[in-house]
């Protein structure tokens, strides 16, 4: 028997979360489903290689603290990523996902 999902409330925009030299490589925002808040993340992906779309003019070390490769590994562990899941936004292609978010981190 199907179960009704409360109407999700999506953000109109996602905020830049990447390093100052390439802030659009990682975007985030908050969505609500019922009374629960979820964090939306979007990572810029090269549609030709399906790898992270690092800017060539930015030193690799700039990305080190953002754990982008680890995030992409986790996503591909849960399910395959292909071109069909990429969302075009702001001149780039992004893989978008959502996860529960707790304000305290203790719940």
PDB file of N, CA and C in Angstrom:
ATOM      1  N   UNK A   1       0.845  -1.173   0.000  1.00  0.00           N
ATOM      2  CA  UNK A   1       0.000   0.000   0.000  1.00  0.00           C
ATOM      3  C   UNK A   1       0.895   1.242   0.000  1.00  0.00           C
ATOM      4  N   UNK A   2       0.676   2.189  -0.913  1.00  0.00           N
ATOM      5  CA  UNK A   2       1.469   3.416  -0.950  1.00  0.00           C
ATOM      6  C   UNK A   2       1.285   4.253   0.311  1.00  0.00           C
ATOM      7  N   UNK A   3       2.326   4.932   0.681  1.00  0.00           N
ATOM      8  CA  UNK A   3       2.303   5.831   1.840  1.00  0.00           C
ATOM      9  C   UNK A   3       2.491   7.248   1.320  1.00  0.00           C
ATOM     10  N   UNK A   4       1.644   8.164   1.748  1.00  0.00           N
ATOM     11  CA  UNK A   4       1.726   9.552   1.297  1.00  0.00           C
ATOM     12  C   UNK A   4       2.958  10.236   1.869  1.00  0.00           C
ATOM     13  N   UNK A   5       3.628  10.987   1.018  1.00  0.00           N
ATOM     14  CA  UNK A   5       4.793  11.763   1.413  1.00  0.00           C
ATOM     15  C   UNK A   5       4.351  13.194   1.653  1.00  0.00           C
ATOM     16  N   UNK A   6       4.730  13.775   2.796  1.00  0.00           N
ATOM     17  CA  UNK A   6       4.405  15.191   2.987  1.00  0.00           C
ATOM     18  C   UNK A   6       5.016  16.023   1.862  1.00  0.00           C
ATOM     19  N   UNK A   7       4.373  17.107   1.516  1.00  0.00           N
ATOM     20  CA  UNK A   7       4.837  17.971   0.426  1.00  0.00           C
ATOM     21  C   UNK A   7       6.222  18.535   0.755  1.00  0.00           C
ATOM     22  N   UNK A   8       7.250  18.202  -0.065  1.00  0.00           N
ATOM     23  CA  UNK A   8       8.590  18.762   0.181  1.00  0.00           C
ATOM     24  C   UNK A   8       8.611  20.261  -0.119  1.00  0.00           C
ATOM     25  N   UNK A   9       9.412  20.992   0.636  1.00  0.00           N
ATOM     26  CA  UNK A   9       9.638  22.414   0.386  1.00  0.00           C
ATOM     27  C   UNK A   9      11.095  22.577  -0.014  1.00  0.00           C
ATOM     28  N   UNK A  10      11.313  22.900  -1.289  1.00  0.00           N
ATOM     29  CA  UNK A  10      12.651  23.000  -1.857  1.00  0.00           C
ATOM     30  C   UNK A  10      13.142  24.441  -1.819  1.00  0.00           C
ATOM     31  N   UNK A  11      14.444  24.628  -1.703  1.00  0.00           N
ATOM     32  CA  UNK A  11      14.972  25.998  -1.784  1.00  0.00           C
ATOM     33  C   UNK A  11      14.921  26.485  -3.239  1.00  0.00           C
ATOM     34  N   UNK A  12      14.768  27.789  -3.420  1.00  0.00           N
ATOM     35  CA  UNK A  12      14.764  28.367  -4.766  1.00  0.00           C
ATOM     36  C   UNK A  12      16.179  28.454  -5.327  1.00  0.00           C
ATOM     37  N   UNK A  13      17.170  28.488  -4.437  1.00  0.00           N
ATOM     38  CA  UNK A  13      18.570  28.605  -4.837  1.00  0.00           C
ATOM     39  C   UNK A  13      19.430  27.737  -3.931  1.00  0.00           C
ATOM     40  N   UNK A  14      20.595  27.384  -4.438  1.00  0.00           N
ATOM     41  CA  UNK A  14      21.601  26.711  -3.622  1.00  0.00           C
ATOM     42  C   UNK A  14      22.759  27.677  -3.419  1.00  0.00           C
ATOM     43  N   UNK A  15      23.375  27.615  -2.260  1.00  0.00           N
ATOM     44  CA  UNK A  15      24.482  28.504  -1.908  1.00  0.00           C
ATOM     45  C   UNK A  15      25.820  27.867  -2.264  1.00  0.00           C
ATOM     46  N   UNK A  16      26.779  28.691  -2.611  1.00  0.00           N
ATOM     47  CA  UNK A  16      28.130  28.223  -2.905  1.00  0.00           C
ATOM     48  C   UNK A  16      28.798  27.756  -1.618  1.00  0.00           C
ATOM     49  N   UNK A  17      29.373  26.559  -1.654  1.00  0.00           N
ATOM     50  CA  UNK A  17      30.022  25.976  -0.477  1.00  0.00           C
ATOM     51  C   UNK A  17      31.458  25.553  -0.747  1.00  0.00           C
ATOM     52  N   UNK A  18      31.926  25.714  -1.974  1.00  0.00           N
ATOM     53  CA  UNK A  18      33.265  25.290  -2.335  1.00  0.00           C
ATOM     54  C   UNK A  18      34.321  26.269  -1.842  1.00  0.00           C
ATOM     55  N   UNK A  19      35.577  25.973  -2.128  1.00  0.00           N
ATOM     56  CA  UNK A  19      36.676  26.848  -1.696  1.00  0.00           C
ATOM     57  C   UNK A  19      36.575  28.218  -2.383  1.00  0.00           C
ATOM     58  N   UNK A  20      37.156  29.251  -1.783  1.00  0.00           N
ATOM     59  CA  UNK A  20      37.078  30.597  -2.358  1.00  0.00           C
ATOM     60  C   UNK A  20      37.551  30.672  -3.813  1.00  0.00           C
ATOM     61  N   UNK A  21      38.520  29.849  -4.191  1.00  0.00           N
ATOM     62  CA  UNK A  21      39.018  29.872  -5.566  1.00  0.00           C
ATOM     63  C   UNK A  21      38.075  29.187  -6.558  1.00  0.00           C
ATOM     64  N   UNK A  22      37.138  28.394  -6.082  1.00  0.00           N
ATOM     65  CA  UNK A  22      36.169  27.689  -6.938  1.00  0.00           C
ATOM     66  C   UNK A  22      34.910  27.393  -6.112  1.00  0.00           C
ATOM     67  N   UNK A  23      34.185  28.426  -5.711  1.00  0.00           N
ATOM     68  CA  UNK A  23      33.056  28.224  -4.798  1.00  0.00           C
ATOM     69  C   UNK A  23      31.893  27.437  -5.380  1.00  0.00           C
ATOM     70  N   UNK A  24      31.764  27.371  -6.704  1.00  0.00           N
ATOM     71  CA  UNK A  24      30.613  26.681  -7.290  1.00  0.00           C
ATOM     72  C   UNK A  24      30.827  25.192  -7.506  1.00  0.00           C
ATOM     73  N   UNK A  25      31.967  24.669  -7.107  1.00  0.00           N
ATOM     74  CA  UNK A  25      32.175  23.224  -7.253  1.00  0.00           C
ATOM     75  C   UNK A  25      31.261  22.441  -6.308  1.00  0.00           C
ATOM     76  N   UNK A  26      30.872  23.078  -5.194  1.00  0.00           N
ATOM     77  CA  UNK A  26      29.987  22.446  -4.214  1.00  0.00           C
ATOM     78  C   UNK A  26      28.923  23.462  -3.818  1.00  0.00           C
ATOM     79  N   UNK A  27      27.664  23.041  -3.915  1.00  0.00           N
ATOM     80  CA  UNK A  27      26.536  23.900  -3.557  1.00  0.00           C
ATOM     81  C   UNK A  27      25.722  23.206  -2.473  1.00  0.00           C
ATOM     82  N   UNK A  28      25.005  24.001  -1.669  1.00  0.00           N
ATOM     83  CA  UNK A  28      24.149  23.379  -0.659  1.00  0.00           C
ATOM     84  C   UNK A  28      22.933  24.253  -0.370  1.00  0.00           C
ATOM     85  N   UNK A  29      21.965  23.624   0.235  1.00  0.00           N
ATOM     86  CA  UNK A  29      20.746  24.302   0.638  1.00  0.00           C
ATOM     87  C   UNK A  29      19.962  23.396   1.558  1.00  0.00           C
ATOM     88  N   UNK A  30      18.834  23.888   2.043  1.00  0.00           N
ATOM     89  CA  UNK A  30      18.008  23.113   2.968  1.00  0.00           C
ATOM     90  C   UNK A  30      16.629  22.888   2.359  1.00  0.00           C
ATOM     91  N   UNK A  31      16.127  21.689   2.531  1.00  0.00           N
ATOM     92  CA  UNK A  31      14.769  21.341   2.127  1.00  0.00           C
ATOM     93  C   UNK A  31      14.051  20.807   3.361  1.00  0.00           C
ATOM     94  N   UNK A  32      12.748  20.890   3.353  1.00  0.00           N
ATOM     95  CA  UNK A  32      11.960  20.344   4.462  1.00  0.00           C
ATOM     96  C   UNK A  32      10.950  19.354   3.918  1.00  0.00           C
ATOM     97  N   UNK A  33      10.855  18.233   4.612  1.00  0.00           N
ATOM     98  CA  UNK A  33       9.836  17.240   4.309  1.00  0.00           C
ATOM     99  C   UNK A  33       9.078  17.031   5.611  1.00  0.00           C
ATOM    100  N   UNK A  34       7.848  17.472   5.641  1.00  0.00           N
ATOM    101  CA  UNK A  34       7.110  17.469   6.900  1.00  0.00           C
ATOM    102  C   UNK A  34       7.824  18.400   7.869  1.00  0.00           C
ATOM    103  N   UNK A  35       8.155  17.897   9.040  1.00  0.00           N
ATOM    104  CA  UNK A  35       8.866  18.685  10.048  1.00  0.00           C
ATOM    105  C   UNK A  35      10.370  18.457  10.020  1.00  0.00           C
ATOM    106  N   UNK A  36      10.841  17.634   9.108  1.00  0.00           N
ATOM    107  CA  UNK A  36      12.260  17.260   9.080  1.00  0.00           C
ATOM    108  C   UNK A  36      13.028  18.095   8.052  1.00  0.00           C
ATOM    109  N   UNK A  37      14.199  18.562   8.471  1.00  0.00           N
ATOM    110  CA  UNK A  37      15.071  19.313   7.581  1.00  0.00           C
ATOM    111  C   UNK A  37      16.062  18.353   6.937  1.00  0.00           C
ATOM    112  N   UNK A  38      16.287  18.552   5.663  1.00  0.00           N
ATOM    113  CA  UNK A  38      17.260  17.755   4.914  1.00  0.00           C
ATOM    114  C   UNK A  38      18.228  18.706   4.231  1.00  0.00           C
ATOM    115  N   UNK A  39      19.462  18.296   4.121  1.00  0.00           N
ATOM    116  CA  UNK A  39      20.480  19.094   3.452  1.00  0.00           C
ATOM    117  C   UNK A  39      20.605  18.610   2.020  1.00  0.00           C
ATOM    118  N   UNK A  40      20.551  19.552   1.092  1.00  0.00           N
ATOM    119  CA  UNK A  40      20.757  19.252  -0.314  1.00  0.00           C
ATOM    120  C   UNK A  40      22.185  19.635  -0.652  1.00  0.00           C
ATOM    121  N   UNK A  41      22.895  18.747  -1.313  1.00  0.00           N
ATOM    122  CA  UNK A  41      24.244  19.026  -1.788  1.00  0.00           C
ATOM    123  C   UNK A  41      24.288  18.807  -3.291  1.00  0.00           C
ATOM    124  N   UNK A  42      25.098  19.600  -3.961  1.00  0.00           N
ATOM    125  CA  UNK A  42      25.281  19.456  -5.403  1.00  0.00           C
ATOM    126  C   UNK A  42      26.764  19.635  -5.700  1.00  0.00           C
ATOM    127  N   UNK A  43      27.338  18.688  -6.419  1.00  0.00           N
ATOM    128  CA  UNK A  43      28.755  18.737  -6.779  1.00  0.00           C
ATOM    129  C   UNK A  43      28.869  18.824  -8.294  1.00  0.00           C
ATOM    130  N   UNK A  44      29.725  19.736  -8.757  1.00  0.00           N
ATOM    131  CA  UNK A  44      29.914  19.915 -10.193  1.00  0.00           C
ATOM    132  C   UNK A  44      30.686  18.728 -10.768  1.00  0.00           C
ATOM    133  N   UNK A  45      30.128  18.160 -11.836  1.00  0.00           N
ATOM    134  CA  UNK A  45      30.658  16.946 -12.447  1.00  0.00           C
ATOM    135  C   UNK A  45      30.924  17.213 -13.928  1.00  0.00           C
ATOM    136  N   UNK A  46      32.018  16.679 -14.425  1.00  0.00           N
ATOM    137  CA  UNK A  46      32.308  16.748 -15.858  1.00  0.00           C
ATOM    138  C   UNK A  46      31.429  15.699 -16.541  1.00  0.00           C
ATOM    139  N   UNK A  47      30.508  16.114 -17.425  1.00  0.00           N
ATOM    140  CA  UNK A  47      29.606  15.135 -18.036  1.00  0.00           C
ATOM    141  C   UNK A  47      30.302  14.155 -18.981  1.00  0.00           C
ATOM    142  N   UNK A  48      31.482  14.500 -19.458  1.00  0.00           N
ATOM    143  CA  UNK A  48      32.210  13.596 -20.351  1.00  0.00           C
ATOM    144  C   UNK A  48      32.906  12.470 -19.627  1.00  0.00           C
ATOM    145  N   UNK A  49      33.414  12.766 -18.432  1.00  0.00           N
ATOM    146  CA  UNK A  49      34.162  11.762 -17.670  1.00  0.00           C
ATOM    147  C   UNK A  49      33.431  11.254 -16.441  1.00  0.00           C
ATOM    148  N   UNK A  50      32.389  11.969 -16.029  1.00  0.00           N
ATOM    149  CA  UNK A  50      31.643  11.694 -14.794  1.00  0.00           C
ATOM    150  C   UNK A  50      32.539  11.781 -13.561  1.00  0.00           C
ATOM    151  N   UNK A  51      33.604  12.553 -13.673  1.00  0.00           N
ATOM    152  CA  UNK A  51      34.493  12.825 -12.543  1.00  0.00           C
ATOM    153  C   UNK A  51      34.205  14.245 -12.052  1.00  0.00           C
ATOM    154  N   UNK A  52      34.753  14.575 -10.912  1.00  0.00           N
ATOM    155  CA  UNK A  52      34.574  15.921 -10.375  1.00  0.00           C
ATOM    156  C   UNK A  52      35.156  16.922 -11.369  1.00  0.00           C
ATOM    157  N   UNK A  53      34.422  17.985 -11.601  1.00  0.00           N
ATOM    158  CA  UNK A  53      34.805  18.998 -12.580  1.00  0.00           C
ATOM    159  C   UNK A  53      35.674  20.072 -11.922  1.00  0.00           C
ATOM    160  N   UNK A  54      36.916  19.679 -11.621  1.00  0.00           N
ATOM    161  CA  UNK A  54      37.865  20.628 -11.042  1.00  0.00           C
ATOM    162  C   UNK A  54      38.243  21.673 -12.088  1.00  0.00           C
ATOM    163  N   UNK A  55      38.426  22.893 -11.656  1.00  0.00           N
ATOM    164  CA  UNK A  55      38.907  23.928 -12.572  1.00  0.00           C
ATOM    165  C   UNK A  55      40.396  23.725 -12.800  1.00  0.00           C
ATOM    166  N   UNK A  56      40.808  23.815 -14.056  1.00  0.00           N
ATOM    167  CA  UNK A  56      42.215  23.595 -14.425  1.00  0.00           C
ATOM    168  C   UNK A  56      43.123  24.710 -13.929  1.00  0.00           C
ATOM    169  N   UNK A  57      42.577  25.904 -13.732  1.00  0.00           N
ATOM    170  CA  UNK A  57      43.389  27.034 -13.300  1.00  0.00           C
ATOM    171  C   UNK A  57      43.494  27.154 -11.782  1.00  0.00           C
ATOM    172  N   UNK A  58      42.982  26.170 -11.059  1.00  0.00           N
ATOM    173  CA  UNK A  58      43.018  26.177  -9.593  1.00  0.00           C
ATOM    174  C   UNK A  58      43.898  25.032  -9.117  1.00  0.00           C
ATOM    175  N   UNK A  59      44.794  25.315  -8.199  1.00  0.00           N
ATOM    176  CA  UNK A  59      45.693  24.311  -7.641  1.00  0.00           C
ATOM    177  C   UNK A  59      44.885  23.234  -6.914  1.00  0.00           C
ATOM    178  N   UNK A  60      45.260  21.977  -7.088  1.00  0.00           N
ATOM    179  CA  UNK A  60      44.562  20.842  -6.451  1.00  0.00           C
ATOM    180  C   UNK A  60      44.461  20.977  -4.936  1.00  0.00           C
ATOM    181  N   UNK A  61      45.468  21.554  -4.316  1.00  0.00           N
ATOM    182  CA  UNK A  61      45.488  21.677  -2.856  1.00  0.00           C
ATOM    183  C   UNK A  61      44.317  22.499  -2.322  1.00  0.00           C
ATOM    184  N   UNK A  62      43.767  23.369  -3.136  1.00  0.00           N
ATOM    185  CA  UNK A  62      42.643  24.217  -2.729  1.00  0.00           C
ATOM    186  C   UNK A  62      41.437  23.357  -2.342  1.00  0.00           C
ATOM    187  N   UNK A  63      41.291  22.206  -2.970  1.00  0.00           N
ATOM    188  CA  UNK A  63      40.130  21.347  -2.763  1.00  0.00           C
ATOM    189  C   UNK A  63      40.315  20.352  -1.605  1.00  0.00           C
ATOM    190  N   UNK A  64      41.506  20.258  -1.087  1.00  0.00           N
ATOM    191  CA  UNK A  64      41.870  19.216  -0.132  1.00  0.00           C
ATOM    192  C   UNK A  64      40.925  19.099   1.067  1.00  0.00           C
ATOM    193  N   UNK A  65      40.521  20.204   1.662  1.00  0.00           N
ATOM    194  CA  UNK A  65      39.696  20.178   2.876  1.00  0.00           C
ATOM    195  C   UNK A  65      38.222  19.875   2.616  1.00  0.00           C
ATOM    196  N   UNK A  66      37.828  19.744   1.371  1.00  0.00           N
ATOM    197  CA  UNK A  66      36.403  19.609   1.047  1.00  0.00           C
ATOM    198  C   UNK A  66      35.954  18.172   0.826  1.00  0.00           C
ATOM    199  N   UNK A  67      36.855  17.233   0.810  1.00  0.00           N
ATOM    200  CA  UNK A  67      36.553  15.804   0.711  1.00  0.00           C
ATOM    201  C   UNK A  67      35.620  15.470  -0.455  1.00  0.00           C
ATOM    202  N   UNK A  68      35.831  16.121  -1.583  1.00  0.00           N
ATOM    203  CA  UNK A  68      34.963  15.922  -2.735  1.00  0.00           C
ATOM    204  C   UNK A  68      35.062  14.509  -3.291  1.00  0.00           C
ATOM    205  N   UNK A  69      36.274  13.988  -3.392  1.00  0.00           N
ATOM    206  CA  UNK A  69      36.445  12.615  -3.917  1.00  0.00           C
ATOM    207  C   UNK A  69      35.734  11.608  -3.016  1.00  0.00           C
ATOM    208  N   UNK A  70      35.826  11.805  -1.708  1.00  0.00           N
ATOM    209  CA  UNK A  70      35.180  10.888  -0.764  1.00  0.00           C
ATOM    210  C   UNK A  70      33.664  10.941  -0.921  1.00  0.00           C
ATOM    211  N   UNK A  71      33.126  12.153  -1.090  1.00  0.00           N
ATOM    212  CA  UNK A  71      31.680  12.284  -1.279  1.00  0.00           C
ATOM    213  C   UNK A  71      31.238  11.570  -2.549  1.00  0.00           C
ATOM    214  N   UNK A  72      31.975  11.762  -3.628  1.00  0.00           N
ATOM    215  CA  UNK A  72      31.615  11.106  -4.886  1.00  0.00           C
ATOM    216  C   UNK A  72      31.734   9.584  -4.766  1.00  0.00           C
ATOM    217  N   UNK A  73      32.761   9.112  -4.062  1.00  0.00           N
ATOM    218  CA  UNK A  73      32.898   7.666  -3.828  1.00  0.00           C
ATOM    219  C   UNK A  73      31.695   7.108  -3.082  1.00  0.00           C
ATOM    220  N   UNK A  74      31.235   7.829  -2.061  1.00  0.00           N
ATOM    221  CA  UNK A  74      30.070   7.378  -1.292  1.00  0.00           C
ATOM    222  C   UNK A  74      28.823   7.317  -2.167  1.00  0.00           C
ATOM    223  N   UNK A  75      28.651   8.325  -3.003  1.00  0.00           N
ATOM    224  CA  UNK A  75      27.488   8.335  -3.889  1.00  0.00           C
ATOM    225  C   UNK A  75      27.519   7.179  -4.870  1.00  0.00           C
ATOM    226  N   UNK A  76      28.675   6.942  -5.469  1.00  0.00           N
ATOM    227  CA  UNK A  76      28.767   5.864  -6.448  1.00  0.00           C
ATOM    228  C   UNK A  76      28.701   4.492  -5.779  1.00  0.00           C
ATOM    229  N   UNK A  77      29.030   4.412  -4.499  1.00  0.00           N
ATOM    230  CA  UNK A  77      28.869   3.158  -3.764  1.00  0.00           C
ATOM    231  C   UNK A  77      27.385   2.827  -3.627  1.00  0.00           C
ATOM    232  N   UNK A  78      26.565   3.862  -3.378  1.00  0.00           N
ATOM    233  CA  UNK A  78      25.129   3.629  -3.172  1.00  0.00           C
ATOM    234  C   UNK A  78      24.397   3.380  -4.486  1.00  0.00           C
ATOM    235  N   UNK A  79      24.852   4.013  -5.559  1.00  0.00           N
ATOM    236  CA  UNK A  79      24.208   3.809  -6.863  1.00  0.00           C
ATOM    237  C   UNK A  79      25.111   4.380  -7.947  1.00  0.00           C
ATOM    238  N   UNK A  80      24.971   3.853  -9.147  1.00  0.00           N
ATOM    239  CA  UNK A  80      25.770   4.348 -10.259  1.00  0.00           C
ATOM    240  C   UNK A  80      25.346   5.762 -10.634  1.00  0.00           C
ATOM    241  N   UNK A  81      26.315   6.529 -11.098  1.00  0.00           N
ATOM    242  CA  UNK A  81      26.043   7.868 -11.596  1.00  0.00           C
ATOM    243  C   UNK A  81      26.331   7.854 -13.091  1.00  0.00           C
ATOM    244  N   UNK A  82      25.359   8.294 -13.859  1.00  0.00           N
ATOM    245  CA  UNK A  82      25.582   8.464 -15.292  1.00  0.00           C
ATOM    246  C   UNK A  82      25.028   9.821 -15.701  1.00  0.00           C
ATOM    247  N   UNK A  83      25.125  10.142 -16.979  1.00  0.00           N
ATOM    248  CA  UNK A  83      24.702  11.462 -17.451  1.00  0.00           C
ATOM    249  C   UNK A  83      23.237  11.756 -17.157  1.00  0.00           C
ATOM    250  N   UNK A  84      22.418  10.715 -17.057  1.00  0.00           N
ATOM    251  CA  UNK A  84      20.979  10.919 -16.861  1.00  0.00           C
ATOM    252  C   UNK A  84      20.646  11.552 -15.515  1.00  0.00           C
ATOM    253  N   UNK A  85      21.556  11.486 -14.541  1.00  0.00           N
ATOM    254  CA  UNK A  85      21.261  12.050 -13.218  1.00  0.00           C
ATOM    255  C   UNK A  85      21.838  13.454 -13.041  1.00  0.00           C
ATOM    256  N   UNK A  86      22.581  13.952 -14.008  1.00  0.00           N
ATOM    257  CA  UNK A  86      23.192  15.270 -13.883  1.00  0.00           C
ATOM    258  C   UNK A  86      22.163  16.367 -14.134  1.00  0.00           C
ATOM    259  N   UNK A  87      22.233  17.405 -13.331  1.00  0.00           N
ATOM    260  CA  UNK A  87      21.336  18.556 -13.425  1.00  0.00           C
ATOM    261  C   UNK A  87      22.173  19.745 -13.883  1.00  0.00           C
ATOM    262  N   UNK A  88      21.742  20.403 -14.947  1.00  0.00           N
ATOM    263  CA  UNK A  88      22.473  21.567 -15.432  1.00  0.00           C
ATOM    264  C   UNK A  88      22.008  22.801 -14.656  1.00  0.00           C
ATOM    265  N   UNK A  89      22.978  23.483 -14.028  1.00  0.00           N
ATOM    266  CA  UNK A  89      22.695  24.688 -13.247  1.00  0.00           C
ATOM    267  C   UNK A  89      23.875  25.637 -13.382  1.00  0.00           C
ATOM    268  N   UNK A  90      23.608  26.908 -13.547  1.00  0.00           N
ATOM    269  CA  UNK A  90      24.647  27.925 -13.517  1.00  0.00           C
ATOM    270  C   UNK A  90      25.837  27.663 -14.409  1.00  0.00           C
ATOM    271  N   UNK A  91      25.629  27.073 -15.554  1.00  0.00           N
ATOM    272  CA  UNK A  91      26.721  26.819 -16.478  1.00  0.00           C
ATOM    273  C   UNK A  91      27.498  25.543 -16.229  1.00  0.00           C
ATOM    274  N   UNK A  92      27.126  24.767 -15.225  1.00  0.00           N
ATOM    275  CA  UNK A  92      27.794  23.506 -14.938  1.00  0.00           C
ATOM    276  C   UNK A  92      26.787  22.369 -14.862  1.00  0.00           C
ATOM    277  N   UNK A  93      27.307  21.158 -14.755  1.00  0.00           N
ATOM    278  CA  UNK A  93      26.481  19.971 -14.561  1.00  0.00           C
ATOM    279  C   UNK A  93      26.754  19.458 -13.150  1.00  0.00           C
ATOM    280  N   UNK A  94      25.698  19.137 -12.421  1.00  0.00           N
ATOM    281  CA  UNK A  94      25.828  18.751 -11.021  1.00  0.00           C
ATOM    282  C   UNK A  94      25.115  17.438 -10.739  1.00  0.00           C
ATOM    283  N   UNK A  95      25.708  16.666  -9.848  1.00  0.00           N
ATOM    284  CA  UNK A  95      24.994  15.556  -9.252  1.00  0.00           C
ATOM    285  C   UNK A  95      24.444  16.120  -7.936  1.00  0.00           C
ATOM    286  N   UNK A  96      23.165  15.870  -7.695  1.00  0.00           N
ATOM    287  CA  UNK A  96      22.470  16.444  -6.547  1.00  0.00           C
ATOM    288  C   UNK A  96      21.984  15.311  -5.657  1.00  0.00           C
ATOM    289  N   UNK A  97      22.162  15.469  -4.357  1.00  0.00           N
ATOM    290  CA  UNK A  97      21.641  14.484  -3.422  1.00  0.00           C
ATOM    291  C   UNK A  97      21.172  15.174  -2.156  1.00  0.00           C
ATOM    292  N   UNK A  98      20.460  14.435  -1.342  1.00  0.00           N
ATOM    293  CA  UNK A  98      19.873  14.980  -0.132  1.00  0.00           C
ATOM    294  C   UNK A  98      20.086  14.000   1.006  1.00  0.00           C
ATOM    295  N   UNK A  99      20.292  14.571   2.200  1.00  0.00           N
ATOM    296  CA  UNK A  99      20.454  13.719   3.374  1.00  0.00           C
ATOM    297  C   UNK A  99      19.833  14.402   4.584  1.00  0.00           C
ATOM    298  N   UNK A 100      19.460  13.631   5.586  1.00  0.00           N
ATOM    299  CA  UNK A 100      18.888  14.240   6.781  1.00  0.00           C
ATOM    300  C   UNK A 100      19.885  15.191   7.443  1.00  0.00           C
ATOM    301  N   UNK A 101      19.344  16.234   8.064  1.00  0.00           N
ATOM    302  CA  UNK A 101      20.195  17.223   8.724  1.00  0.00           C
ATOM    303  C   UNK A 101      19.662  17.470  10.116  1.00  0.00           C
ATOM    304  N   UNK A 102      20.530  17.332  11.091  1.00  0.00           N
ATOM    305  CA  UNK A 102      20.174  17.602  12.483  1.00  0.00           C
ATOM    306  C   UNK A 102      20.937  18.822  12.949  1.00  0.00           C
ATOM    307  N   UNK A 103      20.231  19.780  13.505  1.00  0.00           N
ATOM    308  CA  UNK A 103      20.874  21.009  14.009  1.00  0.00           C
ATOM    309  C   UNK A 103      21.903  20.689  15.095  1.00  0.00           C
ATOM    310  N   UNK A 104      21.637  19.704  15.916  1.00  0.00           N
ATOM    311  CA  UNK A 104      22.539  19.395  17.027  1.00  0.00           C
ATOM    312  C   UNK A 104      23.579  18.341  16.677  1.00  0.00           C
ATOM    313  N   UNK A 105      23.290  17.536  15.660  1.00  0.00           N
ATOM    314  CA  UNK A 105      24.190  16.452  15.309  1.00  0.00           C
ATOM    315  C   UNK A 105      24.101  15.294  16.286  1.00  0.00           C
ATOM    316  N   UNK A 106      23.203  15.385  17.267  1.00  0.00           N
ATOM    317  CA  UNK A 106      23.075  14.350  18.287  1.00  0.00           C
ATOM    318  C   UNK A 106      21.847  13.462  18.068  1.00  0.00           C
ATOM    319  N   UNK A 107      20.949  13.886  17.201  1.00  0.00           N
ATOM    320  CA  UNK A 107      19.709  13.133  17.004  1.00  0.00           C
ATOM    321  C   UNK A 107      19.928  11.938  16.105  1.00  0.00           C
TER     322      UNK A 107
END
